[in-house]
Structure formats: structure tokens, C-alpha cells
Amino acid sequence: EANKDEIAGVILEPVVGNSGFIPPTMEFLQGLRDLCTAEGALLCFDEVMTGFRISYGGAQGHFGIKPDMSTFGKVIGGGLPVGAYGGRRDIMEMVAPAGPVYQAGTLSGNPLAMTAGLKTLEILRRPGSYEYLDKITSRLAAGLVDAAKDAGHDAVGGSISAMYGMYFAKDPRSEER
């Protein structure tokens, strides 16, 4: 409230992957969407880790929350270095050639990364791809947690499709370690 007229936008990983694996609650994501809309701030999802990894529509597709902008990383390049961004039409029309903002990159359109990316996206579009990823990744995550517990450690973990994580703690969101 004290700074509400000074906030241009909120940028976040919709599923925290940069410090482990912490899925959000729907209330949190919907609350951010509602607050940004009410205050005229942009909501930007950093989907470098989640994009195409947890669903073909990324976290926004999985959770049904539409951000104003999104960033994507090497998953769309089949593991090769590539990045992409997208957003609402009115924002994207600001980028050349339609708008005044010029964007370029040294490796933009790299043929190897684009070919690998197209093939990866083709495979991920196949029926059952994400169900299979969810099945094997949840089994892996559960096995890691069980192995840690069998060794006498507190452990929690989880997964969404091909994204998973584990913490040596009772709860990854608590200070109790």
C-alpha cells in the first residue's frame, strides 16, 4: 500500500525452481494476477525453468493464470542456448518492426538451436508426453525422498511433470532444518 503507485510490475518464477522446487498455491498466483490488474502493474512469469517443462503451456497453462509477459529458455531449444519472450499484443507491438523498441541478439535464429527446439516441441506435443513425464518424475522424486528418509534424514519433495526437487527438511518453506 505504501508504494502502490511506484510498482510497474511483478516478475516471478511461477514455480520456484531457482532455489529448489516450491510449487505455488493457486490463491497466491491468482492474488498476484488480481492485484497487478487492479493496480495497473504488469505480471511477468519467468518461465525459463517451467516453460514447456511442466506443460505445453508452461506454468501459465498448468495453473490457468495469464501473465502480461513471459520469458522462456533453453527448453524451447532442446537444451541448446536460446531464449524467447512474449506478451500481450499491446506490449509486443512496441517491439520493432511494429514499434520503436529494437531487439536483437548475436545468436538470434541460430539454425541448430531452432532445429533442436522445433523437434523438442514436436515431441512434447505428442499425446501422453506430459502424462509420461509426470509418471516417471513423480516416481523419481518419491524414490529420492524415500532413500533420504531410509538413511535417517528429514526430507520432502515433489514434482510437476518434468520438474522436481527435494529438501533435507520437514517443510521447505519453514526455518526448521
Protein backbone atom coordinates (compact mmCIF):
# COMPACT_ATOMS: atom_id res chain seq x y z
CA GLU A 1 0.00 0.00 0.00
CA ALA A 2 2.77 2.46 0.88
CA ASN A 3 4.37 2.15 -2.57
CA LYS A 4 1.48 1.06 -4.75
CA ASP A 5 1.85 3.92 -7.23
CA GLU A 6 5.54 3.08 -7.71
CA ILE A 7 5.21 -0.58 -8.77
CA ALA A 8 5.45 -1.07 -12.54
CA GLY A 9 5.29 -4.84 -12.43
CA VAL A 10 5.94 -8.11 -10.68
CA ILE A 11 8.39 -10.65 -12.12
CA LEU A 12 8.46 -14.14 -10.64
CA GLU A 13 9.12 -17.79 -11.27
CA PRO A 14 5.59 -19.22 -11.03
CA VAL A 15 7.10 -22.43 -9.63
CA VAL A 16 10.22 -21.66 -7.64
CA GLY A 17 12.91 -23.67 -9.34
CA ASN A 18 15.91 -21.45 -8.85
CA SER A 19 16.13 -22.39 -5.17
CA GLY A 20 14.79 -25.91 -5.31
CA PHE A 21 11.24 -26.81 -6.13
CA ILE A 22 8.39 -24.98 -4.43
CA PRO A 23 5.06 -25.05 -6.27
CA PRO A 24 2.76 -22.09 -5.66
CA THR A 25 -0.75 -22.15 -4.33
CA MET A 26 -3.48 -21.16 -6.76
CA GLU A 27 -4.52 -18.44 -4.31
CA PHE A 28 -1.05 -16.89 -4.46
CA LEU A 29 -0.89 -16.78 -8.26
CA GLN A 30 -4.49 -15.61 -8.62
CA GLY A 31 -3.91 -12.99 -5.92
CA LEU A 32 -0.90 -11.63 -7.82
CA ARG A 33 -2.86 -11.57 -11.07
CA ASP A 34 -5.76 -9.75 -9.42
CA LEU A 35 -3.51 -7.26 -7.61
CA CYS A 36 -1.48 -6.44 -10.74
CA THR A 37 -4.67 -5.96 -12.76
CA ALA A 38 -6.24 -3.75 -10.09
CA GLU A 39 -3.12 -1.59 -9.74
CA GLY A 40 -2.24 -1.40 -13.45
CA ALA A 41 1.05 -3.27 -12.95
CA LEU A 42 2.42 -5.91 -15.32
CA LEU A 43 2.64 -9.54 -14.25
CA CYS A 44 5.62 -11.29 -15.85
CA PHE A 45 6.28 -15.01 -15.50
CA ASP A 46 9.89 -16.12 -15.70
CA GLU A 47 9.22 -19.47 -17.38
CA VAL A 48 12.86 -20.23 -18.16
CA MET A 49 12.59 -23.34 -15.97
CA THR A 50 8.85 -24.07 -16.16
CA GLY A 51 8.05 -23.24 -19.78
CA PHE A 52 7.28 -26.44 -21.71
CA ARG A 53 8.70 -28.42 -18.79
CA ILE A 54 5.55 -28.71 -16.67
CA SER A 55 3.04 -28.45 -19.51
CA TYR A 56 3.00 -27.43 -23.15
CA GLY A 57 1.54 -24.13 -21.97
CA GLY A 58 4.13 -23.75 -19.20
CA ALA A 59 3.12 -22.77 -15.69
CA GLN A 60 0.55 -20.33 -17.05
CA GLY A 61 -1.16 -23.17 -18.89
CA HIS A 62 -0.84 -25.58 -15.97
CA PHE A 63 -2.26 -23.14 -13.41
CA GLY A 64 -4.58 -21.20 -15.72
CA ILE A 65 -3.12 -17.79 -14.86
CA LYS A 66 -2.37 -15.48 -17.79
CA PRO A 67 0.59 -13.15 -17.25
CA ASP A 68 1.13 -9.97 -19.24
CA MET A 69 4.60 -11.11 -20.32
CA SER A 70 6.61 -14.35 -20.21
CA THR A 71 10.22 -15.37 -20.70
CA PHE A 72 11.40 -18.80 -21.86
CA GLY A 73 14.77 -20.52 -22.01
CA LYS A 74 16.65 -23.47 -23.35
CA VAL A 75 13.80 -25.99 -23.06
CA ILE A 76 12.47 -24.45 -26.27
CA GLY A 77 15.89 -25.04 -27.83
CA GLY A 78 16.06 -28.72 -26.95
CA GLY A 79 18.64 -27.88 -24.28
CA LEU A 80 20.69 -25.60 -26.51
CA PRO A 81 21.14 -21.92 -25.62
CA VAL A 82 18.07 -19.99 -26.69
CA GLY A 83 15.70 -17.50 -25.16
CA ALA A 84 12.33 -16.11 -26.04
CA TYR A 85 9.79 -13.71 -24.66
CA GLY A 86 6.18 -12.96 -25.37
CA GLY A 87 3.31 -10.98 -24.04
CA ARG A 88 0.10 -9.13 -24.59
CA ARG A 89 -0.39 -7.77 -28.09
CA ASP A 90 -0.18 -4.12 -26.98
CA ILE A 91 3.18 -4.77 -25.32
CA MET A 92 4.64 -6.84 -28.15
CA GLU A 93 3.61 -4.20 -30.71
CA MET A 94 6.17 -1.93 -29.05
CA VAL A 95 8.96 -4.14 -30.47
CA ALA A 96 10.33 -3.44 -33.97
CA PRO A 97 9.35 -3.68 -36.73
CA ALA A 98 5.88 -2.65 -35.45
CA GLY A 99 7.16 -0.43 -32.66
CA PRO A 100 10.12 1.72 -31.61
CA VAL A 101 11.94 -0.81 -29.39
CA TYR A 102 14.70 -2.65 -31.25
CA GLN A 103 15.63 -6.14 -30.07
CA ALA A 104 18.45 -8.24 -31.48
CA GLY A 105 20.85 -10.92 -30.38
CA THR A 106 24.13 -12.39 -31.55
CA LEU A 107 22.65 -15.86 -31.97
CA SER A 108 19.07 -14.89 -32.78
CA GLY A 109 17.57 -17.56 -35.01
CA ASN A 110 20.57 -19.90 -34.61
CA PRO A 111 19.73 -22.77 -37.00
CA LEU A 112 20.98 -25.55 -34.70
CA ALA A 113 19.05 -24.31 -31.66
CA MET A 114 15.93 -23.66 -33.73
CA THR A 115 16.03 -27.14 -35.29
CA ALA A 116 16.55 -28.80 -31.90
CA GLY A 117 13.79 -26.66 -30.43
CA LEU A 118 11.28 -27.45 -33.15
CA LYS A 119 11.94 -31.18 -32.74
CA THR A 120 11.64 -30.93 -28.94
CA LEU A 121 8.33 -29.07 -29.19
CA GLU A 122 7.08 -31.60 -31.76
CA ILE A 123 7.86 -34.46 -29.35
CA LEU A 124 6.27 -32.66 -26.39
CA ARG A 125 3.07 -32.14 -28.41
CA ARG A 126 2.56 -35.86 -28.82
CA PRO A 127 -0.40 -37.24 -26.87
CA GLY A 128 0.63 -38.57 -23.47
CA SER A 129 4.02 -36.83 -23.33
CA TYR A 130 3.33 -34.87 -20.16
CA GLU A 131 1.46 -37.73 -18.51
CA TYR A 132 4.53 -39.90 -19.07
CA LEU A 133 6.87 -37.20 -17.73
CA ASP A 134 4.65 -36.78 -14.68
CA LYS A 135 4.63 -40.53 -14.04
CA ILE A 136 8.39 -41.07 -14.21
CA THR A 137 9.36 -37.82 -12.48
CA SER A 138 6.98 -38.34 -9.56
CA ARG A 139 8.42 -41.84 -9.16
CA LEU A 140 11.97 -40.44 -9.16
CA ALA A 141 11.11 -37.68 -6.66
CA ALA A 142 9.36 -40.13 -4.32
CA GLY A 143 12.31 -42.53 -4.56
CA LEU A 144 14.79 -39.81 -3.61
CA VAL A 145 12.70 -38.77 -0.61
CA ASP A 146 12.31 -42.41 0.49
CA ALA A 147 16.06 -43.02 0.17
CA ALA A 148 16.83 -39.94 2.27
CA LYS A 149 14.32 -40.97 4.94
CA ASP A 150 15.69 -44.53 4.94
CA ALA A 151 19.11 -43.00 5.65
CA GLY A 152 17.65 -41.14 8.65
CA HIS A 153 17.21 -37.69 7.14
CA ASP A 154 14.17 -35.44 7.16
CA ALA A 155 13.19 -34.95 3.53
CA VAL A 156 10.33 -33.62 1.45
CA GLY A 157 9.97 -33.38 -2.28
CA GLY A 158 7.57 -33.15 -5.12
CA SER A 159 7.19 -32.78 -8.85
CA ILE A 160 5.09 -31.39 -11.66
CA SER A 161 5.74 -33.18 -14.95
CA ALA A 162 9.49 -32.97 -15.66
CA MET A 163 10.30 -30.55 -12.81
CA TYR A 164 11.10 -31.83 -9.34
CA GLY A 165 13.03 -31.06 -6.22
CA MET A 166 13.87 -32.32 -2.77
CA TYR A 167 14.79 -30.66 0.52
CA PHE A 168 16.50 -32.07 3.55
CA ALA A 169 13.89 -30.56 5.85
CA LYS A 170 10.47 -31.25 7.30
CA ASP A 171 8.98 -28.44 5.20
CA PRO A 172 10.87 -26.48 2.51
CA ARG A 173 9.03 -23.29 3.41
CA SER A 174 9.94 -23.36 7.11
CA GLU A 175 13.05 -22.36 9.01
CA GLU A 176 13.17 -25.76 10.72
CA ARG A 177 16.04 -27.74 9.24
